[in-house]
Every structure is written in structure tokens, then in C-alpha cells.
């Protein structure tokens, strides 16, 4: 592809724009992908691959105002493909207790701040199917609507609703069944 083809498109996205978008959005996208995949190295690879694809073909962005949604769609599809590969090789672990981003999210902005025991939530999320987990992360981490999740993942609206319903039922059950730690146990004489 001609280096200046995208830049010559009036009002379109340029490769320089993609570079600025990468610097501005990579950390948030990394956290999203890390939460979905549970693997910091995979998350970093998928974010880089998504922005590389955008850099190679900036003309594919029809609406410059929705470029974030476009990149998020790319990275979620890459994550779903990665899940399929992992499923063939065996189960994976999601570790939420340690945030590899080191970003130190503010407690008031942490979507999972209400979880008293992150290991319980981690185990509950790990029990979900890959598509259920992607739908849950999109809804509760990104705050996307059902229609936006469908657009980002390529799933039908009904499928998104089904995955969310089943995932929430599973999460509620697993979190409710988890033992509650007590202070007395920690301070027994």
C-alpha cells in the first residue's frame, strides 16, 4: 500500500493519527485485553497487533469518531481467536489479584471494587466460557450496551443477551457459594 494513500484521503484517518491513538489508548486497551485473557504478554501482543492492523489499513475506518470502537472490535476478535486456540490446548487461569499494568487504578473508578475477595471473582470468571467472559468484560468493564457488545464481537444481539444472562447466573452462584473470610479466624488465640 502506498504510504501516503491514507494521508491523502480528505478527512480520513492518517498513519500519524494511528500513532497518536496508540499512545493515548494502549493502556486502557491493554487492561481490557488482560482482563479478558488473563495474560499480560498476550494482552500486550494483541493490543500491538490491533494497532498494527489499523496502521496498515487506516482507510478501513469509515467513521473517524468511532475509531476506538473499531480498534476494540479488532482486539476482542483477536482475543476470541486466542481463546479458541487455548481451549484446544487446555484451560487457562485469570489472575485479577495482581494488576500487571502497574497503573494503580483509582478505587472509585475500579469496576470490580465491590468484590471483597478478588480470588473468588477470578475463579468465577475463569469458569465462564470465553464468549461469556468477553461479554461480561465488555458490559461491566467498558460499560457497553448489548448492541455495542454485539457490534464489537460480531455476535448477534440475542447471543450477547444469552451469554450475559448465563454468565451472570454462573457468577452469582459461584460468588454466593464461596466461603466468607472472618476476622475471628485471623485473630484466634
N, C-alpha and C. Protein backbone atom coordinates (compact mmCIF):
# COMPACT_ATOMS: atom_id res chain seq x y z
N UNK A 1 0.84 -1.18 0.00
CA UNK A 1 0.00 0.00 0.00
C UNK A 1 0.88 1.24 0.00
N UNK A 2 0.49 2.23 -0.76
CA UNK A 2 1.20 3.48 -0.84
C UNK A 2 1.19 4.17 0.52
N UNK A 3 2.34 4.60 1.00
CA UNK A 3 2.48 5.20 2.32
C UNK A 3 1.57 6.40 2.53
N UNK A 4 1.30 7.14 1.49
CA UNK A 4 0.52 8.37 1.65
C UNK A 4 -0.93 8.23 1.24
N UNK A 5 -1.35 7.03 0.87
CA UNK A 5 -2.72 6.84 0.41
C UNK A 5 -3.73 7.24 1.47
N UNK A 6 -3.53 6.78 2.70
CA UNK A 6 -4.46 7.12 3.78
C UNK A 6 -4.34 8.60 4.14
N UNK A 7 -3.13 9.13 4.09
CA UNK A 7 -2.94 10.53 4.44
C UNK A 7 -3.59 11.45 3.41
N UNK A 8 -3.69 11.02 2.16
CA UNK A 8 -4.25 11.84 1.11
C UNK A 8 -5.77 11.89 1.16
N UNK A 9 -6.38 10.97 1.86
CA UNK A 9 -7.84 10.91 1.95
C UNK A 9 -8.34 12.08 2.79
N UNK A 10 -9.10 13.00 2.21
CA UNK A 10 -9.54 14.16 2.98
C UNK A 10 -10.45 13.75 4.13
N UNK A 11 -10.14 14.25 5.33
CA UNK A 11 -10.97 13.97 6.48
C UNK A 11 -10.82 12.56 7.03
N UNK A 12 -9.94 11.76 6.43
CA UNK A 12 -9.78 10.38 6.86
C UNK A 12 -8.70 10.25 7.92
N UNK A 13 -8.49 9.03 8.34
CA UNK A 13 -7.51 8.71 9.36
C UNK A 13 -6.15 8.54 8.71
N UNK A 14 -5.12 9.17 9.27
CA UNK A 14 -3.77 9.04 8.74
C UNK A 14 -2.96 8.11 9.63
N UNK A 15 -1.83 7.70 9.16
CA UNK A 15 -0.95 6.85 9.97
C UNK A 15 -0.41 7.61 11.18
N UNK A 16 -0.22 8.90 11.01
CA UNK A 16 0.21 9.71 12.16
C UNK A 16 -0.88 9.72 13.22
N UNK A 17 -2.14 9.77 12.78
CA UNK A 17 -3.27 9.70 13.71
C UNK A 17 -3.24 8.38 14.47
N UNK A 18 -2.95 7.30 13.77
CA UNK A 18 -2.90 5.98 14.40
C UNK A 18 -1.82 5.95 15.48
N UNK A 19 -0.68 6.55 15.20
CA UNK A 19 0.39 6.63 16.20
C UNK A 19 -0.07 7.37 17.45
N UNK A 20 -0.75 8.50 17.25
CA UNK A 20 -1.25 9.25 18.41
C UNK A 20 -2.33 8.46 19.15
N UNK A 21 -3.19 7.76 18.42
CA UNK A 21 -4.23 6.95 19.04
C UNK A 21 -3.62 5.82 19.87
N UNK A 22 -2.55 5.23 19.35
CA UNK A 22 -1.87 4.16 20.08
C UNK A 22 -1.33 4.66 21.41
N UNK A 23 -0.64 5.78 21.38
CA UNK A 23 -0.07 6.33 22.61
C UNK A 23 -1.18 6.67 23.61
N UNK A 24 -2.28 7.22 23.13
CA UNK A 24 -3.37 7.64 24.01
C UNK A 24 -4.20 6.48 24.54
N UNK A 25 -4.36 5.42 23.75
CA UNK A 25 -5.30 4.38 24.13
C UNK A 25 -4.75 3.03 24.50
N UNK A 26 -3.45 2.83 24.37
CA UNK A 26 -2.90 1.49 24.57
C UNK A 26 -3.07 0.97 25.99
N UNK A 27 -2.93 1.82 27.00
CA UNK A 27 -3.02 1.33 28.37
C UNK A 27 -4.42 0.84 28.72
N UNK A 28 -5.43 1.62 28.35
CA UNK A 28 -6.81 1.19 28.62
C UNK A 28 -7.15 -0.08 27.86
N UNK A 29 -6.71 -0.15 26.61
CA UNK A 29 -6.98 -1.34 25.82
C UNK A 29 -6.22 -2.55 26.38
N UNK A 30 -4.99 -2.31 26.84
CA UNK A 30 -4.22 -3.39 27.46
C UNK A 30 -4.96 -3.95 28.66
N UNK A 31 -5.49 -3.07 29.53
CA UNK A 31 -6.22 -3.54 30.72
C UNK A 31 -7.43 -4.37 30.32
N UNK A 32 -8.13 -3.91 29.30
CA UNK A 32 -9.30 -4.66 28.82
C UNK A 32 -8.89 -6.05 28.36
N UNK A 33 -7.88 -6.13 27.52
CA UNK A 33 -7.47 -7.42 26.97
C UNK A 33 -6.86 -8.30 28.04
N UNK A 34 -6.13 -7.72 28.97
CA UNK A 34 -5.58 -8.50 30.07
C UNK A 34 -6.70 -9.10 30.90
N UNK A 35 -7.75 -8.32 31.14
CA UNK A 35 -8.87 -8.83 31.91
C UNK A 35 -9.58 -9.97 31.17
N UNK A 36 -9.67 -9.85 29.87
CA UNK A 36 -10.33 -10.89 29.07
C UNK A 36 -9.46 -12.14 28.97
N UNK A 37 -8.15 -11.97 28.76
CA UNK A 37 -7.29 -13.14 28.52
C UNK A 37 -6.61 -13.65 29.77
N UNK A 38 -6.36 -12.77 30.74
CA UNK A 38 -5.66 -13.17 31.95
C UNK A 38 -4.16 -13.31 31.78
N UNK A 39 -3.63 -12.82 30.70
CA UNK A 39 -2.21 -12.98 30.41
C UNK A 39 -1.65 -11.65 29.90
N UNK A 40 -0.72 -11.07 30.65
CA UNK A 40 -0.17 -9.76 30.30
C UNK A 40 0.57 -9.77 28.97
N UNK A 41 1.34 -10.82 28.72
CA UNK A 41 2.10 -10.89 27.47
C UNK A 41 1.17 -11.00 26.27
N UNK A 42 0.14 -11.82 26.41
CA UNK A 42 -0.84 -11.98 25.33
C UNK A 42 -1.56 -10.65 25.11
N UNK A 43 -1.93 -9.99 26.20
CA UNK A 43 -2.63 -8.71 26.08
C UNK A 43 -1.77 -7.70 25.33
N UNK A 44 -0.51 -7.63 25.68
CA UNK A 44 0.39 -6.69 25.00
C UNK A 44 0.50 -7.02 23.52
N UNK A 45 0.65 -8.30 23.20
CA UNK A 45 0.74 -8.72 21.80
C UNK A 45 -0.52 -8.37 21.02
N UNK A 46 -1.69 -8.63 21.61
CA UNK A 46 -2.94 -8.39 20.91
C UNK A 46 -3.20 -6.90 20.69
N UNK A 47 -2.85 -6.07 21.66
CA UNK A 47 -3.01 -4.62 21.50
C UNK A 47 -2.10 -4.13 20.39
N UNK A 48 -0.86 -4.58 20.39
CA UNK A 48 0.06 -4.17 19.34
C UNK A 48 -0.42 -4.64 17.97
N UNK A 49 -0.92 -5.87 17.91
CA UNK A 49 -1.41 -6.39 16.63
C UNK A 49 -2.62 -5.58 16.14
N UNK A 50 -3.52 -5.22 17.05
CA UNK A 50 -4.69 -4.44 16.66
C UNK A 50 -4.28 -3.09 16.08
N UNK A 51 -3.37 -2.39 16.76
CA UNK A 51 -2.93 -1.09 16.25
C UNK A 51 -2.09 -1.24 14.98
N UNK A 52 -1.36 -2.34 14.85
CA UNK A 52 -0.61 -2.58 13.62
C UNK A 52 -1.56 -2.76 12.44
N UNK A 53 -2.63 -3.51 12.66
CA UNK A 53 -3.62 -3.68 11.59
C UNK A 53 -4.25 -2.35 11.20
N UNK A 54 -4.54 -1.51 12.20
CA UNK A 54 -5.09 -0.21 11.91
C UNK A 54 -4.08 0.65 11.17
N UNK A 55 -2.82 0.59 11.56
CA UNK A 55 -1.77 1.36 10.91
C UNK A 55 -1.60 0.94 9.45
N UNK A 56 -1.69 -0.37 9.21
CA UNK A 56 -1.52 -0.86 7.84
C UNK A 56 -2.70 -0.50 6.94
N UNK A 57 -3.88 -0.35 7.54
CA UNK A 57 -5.09 -0.07 6.74
C UNK A 57 -5.96 0.99 7.41
N UNK A 58 -5.46 2.21 7.54
CA UNK A 58 -6.27 3.25 8.20
C UNK A 58 -7.52 3.61 7.40
N UNK A 59 -7.51 3.31 6.12
CA UNK A 59 -8.66 3.63 5.27
C UNK A 59 -9.89 2.79 5.62
N UNK A 60 -9.72 1.72 6.37
CA UNK A 60 -10.85 0.88 6.76
C UNK A 60 -11.76 1.56 7.79
N UNK A 61 -11.27 2.58 8.43
CA UNK A 61 -12.08 3.31 9.40
C UNK A 61 -12.97 4.27 8.63
N UNK A 62 -14.25 3.96 8.63
CA UNK A 62 -15.20 4.78 7.89
C UNK A 62 -15.62 6.02 8.67
N UNK A 63 -15.69 5.89 9.98
CA UNK A 63 -16.11 6.99 10.84
C UNK A 63 -15.00 7.25 11.84
N UNK A 64 -14.25 8.33 11.64
CA UNK A 64 -13.09 8.64 12.47
C UNK A 64 -13.49 8.80 13.93
N UNK A 65 -14.72 9.23 14.19
CA UNK A 65 -15.18 9.40 15.57
C UNK A 65 -15.37 8.06 16.29
N UNK A 66 -15.42 6.96 15.54
CA UNK A 66 -15.65 5.64 16.15
C UNK A 66 -14.41 4.74 16.05
N UNK A 67 -13.24 5.35 15.91
CA UNK A 67 -12.02 4.57 15.76
C UNK A 67 -11.74 3.73 17.00
N UNK A 68 -12.07 4.23 18.21
CA UNK A 68 -11.86 3.44 19.42
C UNK A 68 -12.68 2.16 19.39
N UNK A 69 -13.92 2.27 18.95
CA UNK A 69 -14.78 1.08 18.85
C UNK A 69 -14.22 0.10 17.81
N UNK A 70 -13.67 0.64 16.73
CA UNK A 70 -13.10 -0.21 15.68
C UNK A 70 -11.89 -0.99 16.22
N UNK A 71 -10.99 -0.31 16.93
CA UNK A 71 -9.81 -0.97 17.48
C UNK A 71 -10.23 -1.98 18.55
N UNK A 72 -11.21 -1.61 19.37
CA UNK A 72 -11.70 -2.54 20.40
C UNK A 72 -12.29 -3.79 19.75
N UNK A 73 -12.99 -3.62 18.65
CA UNK A 73 -13.55 -4.75 17.92
C UNK A 73 -12.44 -5.67 17.40
N UNK A 74 -11.40 -5.08 16.86
CA UNK A 74 -10.26 -5.87 16.37
C UNK A 74 -9.66 -6.68 17.51
N UNK A 75 -9.39 -6.02 18.64
CA UNK A 75 -8.70 -6.69 19.73
C UNK A 75 -9.58 -7.76 20.37
N UNK A 76 -10.87 -7.54 20.47
CA UNK A 76 -11.75 -8.57 21.03
C UNK A 76 -11.85 -9.78 20.11
N UNK A 77 -11.85 -9.55 18.81
CA UNK A 77 -11.85 -10.68 17.88
C UNK A 77 -10.54 -11.45 17.95
N UNK A 78 -9.43 -10.73 18.11
CA UNK A 78 -8.14 -11.41 18.29
C UNK A 78 -8.14 -12.22 19.58
N UNK A 79 -8.70 -11.66 20.64
CA UNK A 79 -8.77 -12.38 21.92
C UNK A 79 -9.63 -13.63 21.80
N UNK A 80 -10.74 -13.50 21.08
CA UNK A 80 -11.62 -14.66 20.90
C UNK A 80 -10.89 -15.77 20.14
N UNK A 81 -10.12 -15.40 19.14
CA UNK A 81 -9.33 -16.38 18.40
C UNK A 81 -8.30 -17.03 19.32
N UNK A 82 -7.69 -16.23 20.18
CA UNK A 82 -6.70 -16.75 21.12
C UNK A 82 -7.36 -17.73 22.10
N UNK A 83 -8.58 -17.40 22.55
CA UNK A 83 -9.32 -18.29 23.44
C UNK A 83 -9.55 -19.64 22.77
N UNK A 84 -9.91 -19.61 21.50
CA UNK A 84 -10.17 -20.85 20.79
C UNK A 84 -8.91 -21.71 20.74
N UNK A 85 -7.77 -21.08 20.51
CA UNK A 85 -6.51 -21.83 20.49
C UNK A 85 -6.21 -22.42 21.86
N UNK A 86 -6.41 -21.61 22.91
CA UNK A 86 -6.15 -22.10 24.27
C UNK A 86 -7.09 -23.22 24.66
N UNK A 87 -8.33 -23.12 24.23
CA UNK A 87 -9.31 -24.15 24.56
C UNK A 87 -8.87 -25.49 23.98
N UNK A 88 -8.27 -25.44 22.82
CA UNK A 88 -7.78 -26.68 22.21
C UNK A 88 -6.58 -27.23 22.98
N UNK A 89 -5.81 -26.34 23.61
CA UNK A 89 -4.62 -26.77 24.35
C UNK A 89 -4.89 -27.01 25.82
N UNK A 90 -5.94 -26.50 26.36
CA UNK A 90 -6.24 -26.68 27.78
C UNK A 90 -6.71 -25.40 28.44
N UNK A 91 -7.12 -25.54 29.66
CA UNK A 91 -7.70 -24.44 30.44
C UNK A 91 -6.66 -23.38 30.81
N UNK A 92 -7.10 -22.15 30.97
CA UNK A 92 -6.21 -21.07 31.37
C UNK A 92 -6.69 -20.44 32.67
N UNK A 93 -5.84 -19.66 33.26
CA UNK A 93 -6.11 -19.01 34.54
C UNK A 93 -6.26 -17.51 34.32
N UNK A 94 -7.19 -16.91 35.02
CA UNK A 94 -7.31 -15.46 35.02
C UNK A 94 -6.90 -14.98 36.40
N UNK A 95 -5.89 -14.15 36.45
CA UNK A 95 -5.41 -13.65 37.74
C UNK A 95 -5.68 -12.16 37.83
N UNK A 96 -6.65 -11.83 38.64
CA UNK A 96 -7.03 -10.43 38.79
C UNK A 96 -6.32 -9.80 39.99
N UNK A 97 -5.86 -10.60 40.93
CA UNK A 97 -5.29 -10.08 42.16
C UNK A 97 -4.09 -9.17 41.91
N UNK A 98 -3.32 -9.43 40.88
CA UNK A 98 -2.15 -8.61 40.58
C UNK A 98 -2.39 -7.89 39.26
N UNK A 99 -2.36 -6.58 39.29
CA UNK A 99 -2.57 -5.78 38.09
C UNK A 99 -1.23 -5.56 37.41
N UNK A 100 -0.96 -6.24 36.28
CA UNK A 100 0.35 -6.13 35.64
C UNK A 100 0.58 -4.78 34.99
N UNK A 101 -0.45 -3.96 34.88
CA UNK A 101 -0.28 -2.66 34.24
C UNK A 101 0.47 -1.70 35.13
N UNK A 102 0.40 -1.94 36.46
CA UNK A 102 1.04 -1.02 37.38
C UNK A 102 0.43 0.36 37.36
N UNK A 103 -0.72 0.48 36.76
CA UNK A 103 -1.35 1.78 36.60
C UNK A 103 -1.98 2.28 37.88
N UNK A 104 -2.20 1.40 38.84
CA UNK A 104 -2.78 1.81 40.11
C UNK A 104 -4.12 2.49 39.93
N UNK A 105 -5.07 1.80 39.34
CA UNK A 105 -6.39 2.38 39.11
C UNK A 105 -6.94 2.95 40.41
N UNK A 106 -7.57 4.08 40.30
CA UNK A 106 -8.18 4.69 41.48
C UNK A 106 -9.34 3.83 41.94
N UNK A 107 -9.48 3.59 43.24
CA UNK A 107 -10.54 2.72 43.75
C UNK A 107 -11.93 3.14 43.30
N UNK A 108 -12.19 4.44 43.21
CA UNK A 108 -13.54 4.86 42.81
C UNK A 108 -13.83 4.58 41.34
N UNK A 109 -12.79 4.35 40.52
CA UNK A 109 -13.02 4.05 39.11
C UNK A 109 -12.84 2.57 38.80
N UNK A 110 -12.52 1.77 39.80
CA UNK A 110 -12.31 0.34 39.59
C UNK A 110 -13.65 -0.36 39.52
N UNK A 111 -14.02 -0.93 38.36
CA UNK A 111 -15.32 -1.59 38.22
C UNK A 111 -15.49 -2.80 39.13
N UNK A 112 -14.40 -3.32 39.66
CA UNK A 112 -14.50 -4.52 40.49
C UNK A 112 -14.23 -4.19 41.96
N UNK A 113 -14.41 -2.92 42.35
CA UNK A 113 -14.08 -2.53 43.71
C UNK A 113 -14.98 -3.18 44.74
N UNK A 114 -16.18 -3.61 44.34
CA UNK A 114 -17.12 -4.20 45.29
C UNK A 114 -16.75 -5.64 45.64
N UNK A 115 -15.87 -6.24 44.89
CA UNK A 115 -15.50 -7.63 45.17
C UNK A 115 -14.55 -7.66 46.35
N UNK A 116 -14.98 -8.26 47.46
CA UNK A 116 -14.14 -8.33 48.65
C UNK A 116 -12.96 -9.27 48.44
N UNK A 117 -13.18 -10.33 47.73
CA UNK A 117 -12.13 -11.30 47.54
C UNK A 117 -11.93 -11.51 46.05
N UNK A 118 -10.90 -10.91 45.50
CA UNK A 118 -10.68 -10.99 44.06
C UNK A 118 -10.38 -12.40 43.59
N UNK A 119 -9.86 -13.24 44.46
CA UNK A 119 -9.59 -14.61 44.04
C UNK A 119 -10.90 -15.35 43.80
N UNK A 120 -11.95 -15.03 44.56
CA UNK A 120 -13.26 -15.64 44.32
C UNK A 120 -13.79 -15.19 42.97
N UNK A 121 -13.68 -13.89 42.70
CA UNK A 121 -14.14 -13.37 41.42
C UNK A 121 -13.31 -13.94 40.27
N UNK A 122 -12.01 -14.06 40.50
CA UNK A 122 -11.14 -14.63 39.49
C UNK A 122 -11.56 -16.06 39.13
N UNK A 123 -11.81 -16.86 40.16
CA UNK A 123 -12.24 -18.24 39.92
C UNK A 123 -13.59 -18.30 39.23
N UNK A 124 -14.49 -17.40 39.60
CA UNK A 124 -15.81 -17.37 38.98
C UNK A 124 -15.71 -16.97 37.51
N UNK A 125 -14.87 -15.98 37.20
CA UNK A 125 -14.69 -15.58 35.81
C UNK A 125 -14.01 -16.67 35.00
N UNK A 126 -13.09 -17.37 35.63
CA UNK A 126 -12.37 -18.44 34.95
C UNK A 126 -13.31 -19.57 34.54
N UNK A 127 -14.41 -19.72 35.28
CA UNK A 127 -15.36 -20.79 34.99
C UNK A 127 -16.26 -20.46 33.80
N UNK A 128 -16.27 -19.20 33.37
CA UNK A 128 -17.12 -18.81 32.25
C UNK A 128 -16.52 -19.28 30.93
N UNK A 129 -17.39 -19.41 29.93
CA UNK A 129 -16.89 -19.70 28.59
C UNK A 129 -16.21 -18.45 28.06
N UNK A 130 -15.35 -18.57 27.06
CA UNK A 130 -14.68 -17.38 26.52
C UNK A 130 -15.65 -16.30 26.05
N UNK A 131 -16.71 -16.68 25.36
CA UNK A 131 -17.66 -15.67 24.87
C UNK A 131 -18.42 -15.02 26.02
N UNK A 132 -18.74 -15.80 27.06
CA UNK A 132 -19.41 -15.22 28.23
C UNK A 132 -18.49 -14.20 28.90
N UNK A 133 -17.22 -14.56 29.05
CA UNK A 133 -16.28 -13.66 29.70
C UNK A 133 -16.11 -12.38 28.90
N UNK A 134 -15.98 -12.50 27.59
CA UNK A 134 -15.84 -11.31 26.76
C UNK A 134 -17.07 -10.41 26.92
N UNK A 135 -18.26 -10.99 26.92
CA UNK A 135 -19.49 -10.21 27.08
C UNK A 135 -19.54 -9.53 28.45
N UNK A 136 -19.17 -10.24 29.49
CA UNK A 136 -19.18 -9.67 30.84
C UNK A 136 -18.17 -8.53 30.95
N UNK A 137 -16.98 -8.72 30.43
CA UNK A 137 -15.97 -7.68 30.50
C UNK A 137 -16.42 -6.45 29.71
N UNK A 138 -16.98 -6.67 28.53
CA UNK A 138 -17.46 -5.53 27.74
C UNK A 138 -18.56 -4.77 28.46
N UNK A 139 -19.46 -5.49 29.12
CA UNK A 139 -20.57 -4.84 29.81
C UNK A 139 -20.11 -4.13 31.07
N UNK A 140 -19.40 -4.82 31.93
CA UNK A 140 -19.12 -4.27 33.25
C UNK A 140 -17.78 -3.56 33.38
N UNK A 141 -16.88 -3.79 32.45
CA UNK A 141 -15.61 -3.07 32.48
C UNK A 141 -15.70 -1.85 31.58
N UNK A 142 -16.24 -2.07 30.36
CA UNK A 142 -16.32 -0.97 29.40
C UNK A 142 -17.64 -0.21 29.47
N UNK A 143 -18.67 -0.85 30.03
CA UNK A 143 -19.98 -0.20 30.10
C UNK A 143 -20.71 -0.17 28.78
N UNK A 144 -20.43 -1.15 27.91
CA UNK A 144 -21.09 -1.19 26.61
C UNK A 144 -22.52 -1.73 26.73
N UNK A 145 -23.39 -1.29 25.85
CA UNK A 145 -24.74 -1.83 25.78
C UNK A 145 -24.71 -3.16 25.05
N UNK A 146 -25.83 -3.88 25.10
CA UNK A 146 -25.90 -5.16 24.39
C UNK A 146 -25.60 -4.99 22.90
N UNK A 147 -26.17 -3.95 22.31
CA UNK A 147 -25.96 -3.70 20.88
C UNK A 147 -24.49 -3.38 20.59
N UNK A 148 -23.85 -2.61 21.46
CA UNK A 148 -22.44 -2.29 21.26
C UNK A 148 -21.56 -3.52 21.42
N UNK A 149 -21.92 -4.39 22.36
CA UNK A 149 -21.16 -5.64 22.52
C UNK A 149 -21.30 -6.50 21.26
N UNK A 150 -22.52 -6.57 20.75
CA UNK A 150 -22.76 -7.35 19.53
C UNK A 150 -21.92 -6.80 18.37
N UNK A 151 -21.88 -5.49 18.24
CA UNK A 151 -21.09 -4.88 17.16
C UNK A 151 -19.59 -5.13 17.37
N UNK A 152 -19.13 -5.05 18.61
CA UNK A 152 -17.70 -5.21 18.89
C UNK A 152 -17.23 -6.65 18.73
N UNK A 153 -18.10 -7.61 19.00
CA UNK A 153 -17.69 -9.01 18.98
C UNK A 153 -18.13 -9.77 17.74
N UNK A 154 -19.06 -9.21 16.99
CA UNK A 154 -19.57 -9.91 15.82
C UNK A 154 -20.63 -10.95 16.17
N UNK A 155 -21.08 -10.95 17.42
CA UNK A 155 -22.15 -11.87 17.83
C UNK A 155 -23.50 -11.21 17.60
N UNK A 156 -24.54 -12.01 17.47
CA UNK A 156 -25.87 -11.43 17.33
C UNK A 156 -26.32 -10.87 18.66
N UNK A 157 -27.27 -9.95 18.63
CA UNK A 157 -27.78 -9.33 19.85
C UNK A 157 -28.37 -10.37 20.79
N UNK A 158 -29.12 -11.32 20.27
CA UNK A 158 -29.70 -12.37 21.09
C UNK A 158 -28.64 -13.25 21.75
N UNK A 159 -27.57 -13.52 21.02
CA UNK A 159 -26.47 -14.32 21.56
C UNK A 159 -25.77 -13.59 22.70
N UNK A 160 -25.58 -12.28 22.53
CA UNK A 160 -24.96 -11.48 23.59
C UNK A 160 -25.83 -11.53 24.85
N UNK A 161 -27.13 -11.35 24.68
CA UNK A 161 -28.03 -11.37 25.84
C UNK A 161 -28.00 -12.73 26.52
N UNK A 162 -27.98 -13.80 25.74
CA UNK A 162 -27.93 -15.15 26.31
C UNK A 162 -26.63 -15.37 27.08
N UNK A 163 -25.50 -14.96 26.49
CA UNK A 163 -24.21 -15.12 27.17
C UNK A 163 -24.17 -14.32 28.47
N UNK A 164 -24.69 -13.11 28.45
CA UNK A 164 -24.71 -12.29 29.66
C UNK A 164 -25.59 -12.92 30.74
N UNK A 165 -26.75 -13.38 30.35
CA UNK A 165 -27.68 -13.98 31.32
C UNK A 165 -27.05 -15.22 31.95
N UNK A 166 -26.50 -16.09 31.14
CA UNK A 166 -25.88 -17.31 31.66
C UNK A 166 -24.64 -17.00 32.50
N UNK A 167 -23.86 -16.03 32.06
CA UNK A 167 -22.66 -15.66 32.81
C UNK A 167 -23.02 -15.09 34.17
N UNK A 168 -23.99 -14.22 34.22
CA UNK A 168 -24.38 -13.63 35.50
C UNK A 168 -24.96 -14.67 36.44
N UNK A 169 -25.72 -15.61 35.91
CA UNK A 169 -26.25 -16.69 36.74
C UNK A 169 -25.09 -17.50 37.33
N UNK A 170 -24.12 -17.82 36.51
CA UNK A 170 -22.96 -18.58 36.97
C UNK A 170 -22.15 -17.79 37.99
N UNK A 171 -21.90 -16.52 37.71
CA UNK A 171 -21.11 -15.69 38.63
C UNK A 171 -21.81 -15.55 39.98
N UNK A 172 -23.11 -15.28 39.95
CA UNK A 172 -23.85 -15.14 41.21
C UNK A 172 -23.78 -16.42 42.03
N UNK A 173 -23.93 -17.53 41.37
CA UNK A 173 -23.90 -18.81 42.05
C UNK A 173 -22.53 -19.08 42.67
N UNK A 174 -21.48 -18.86 41.91
CA UNK A 174 -20.13 -19.14 42.38
C UNK A 174 -19.69 -18.19 43.48
N UNK A 175 -20.05 -16.92 43.36
CA UNK A 175 -19.66 -15.96 44.39
C UNK A 175 -20.46 -16.20 45.67
N UNK A 176 -21.74 -16.54 45.53
CA UNK A 176 -22.58 -16.81 46.71
C UNK A 176 -22.12 -18.06 47.45
N UNK A 177 -21.61 -19.05 46.72
CA UNK A 177 -21.17 -20.30 47.32
C UNK A 177 -19.77 -20.22 47.94
N UNK A 178 -19.05 -19.12 47.65
CA UNK A 178 -17.68 -19.00 48.15
C UNK A 178 -17.68 -18.76 49.65
N UNK A 179 -16.73 -19.36 50.37
CA UNK A 179 -16.65 -19.12 51.81
C UNK A 179 -16.29 -17.67 52.10
N UNK A 180 -16.89 -17.12 53.11
CA UNK A 180 -16.62 -15.75 53.51
C UNK A 180 -15.56 -15.74 54.59
N UNK A 181 -14.45 -15.02 54.38
CA UNK A 181 -13.42 -14.98 55.40
C UNK A 181 -13.91 -14.19 56.62
N UNK A 182 -13.47 -14.59 57.78
CA UNK A 182 -13.86 -13.89 59.00
C UNK A 182 -12.63 -13.35 59.71
N UNK A 183 -12.82 -12.26 60.41
CA UNK A 183 -11.70 -11.67 61.14
C UNK A 183 -11.31 -12.55 62.33
N UNK A 184 -12.29 -13.21 62.91
CA UNK A 184 -12.02 -14.06 64.07
C UNK A 184 -11.02 -15.15 63.73
N UNK A 185 -11.13 -15.71 62.56
CA UNK A 185 -10.21 -16.78 62.16
C UNK A 185 -8.78 -16.27 62.07
N UNK A 186 -8.63 -15.00 61.68
CA UNK A 186 -7.29 -14.44 61.55
C UNK A 186 -6.68 -14.09 62.89
N UNK A 187 -7.52 -13.87 63.91
CA UNK A 187 -7.02 -13.42 65.21
C UNK A 187 -7.32 -14.41 66.34
N UNK A 188 -7.45 -15.67 66.00
CA UNK A 188 -7.73 -16.68 67.03
C UNK A 188 -6.52 -16.83 67.95
N UNK A 189 -6.76 -16.99 69.30
CA UNK A 189 -5.63 -17.11 70.24
C UNK A 189 -4.89 -18.41 70.08
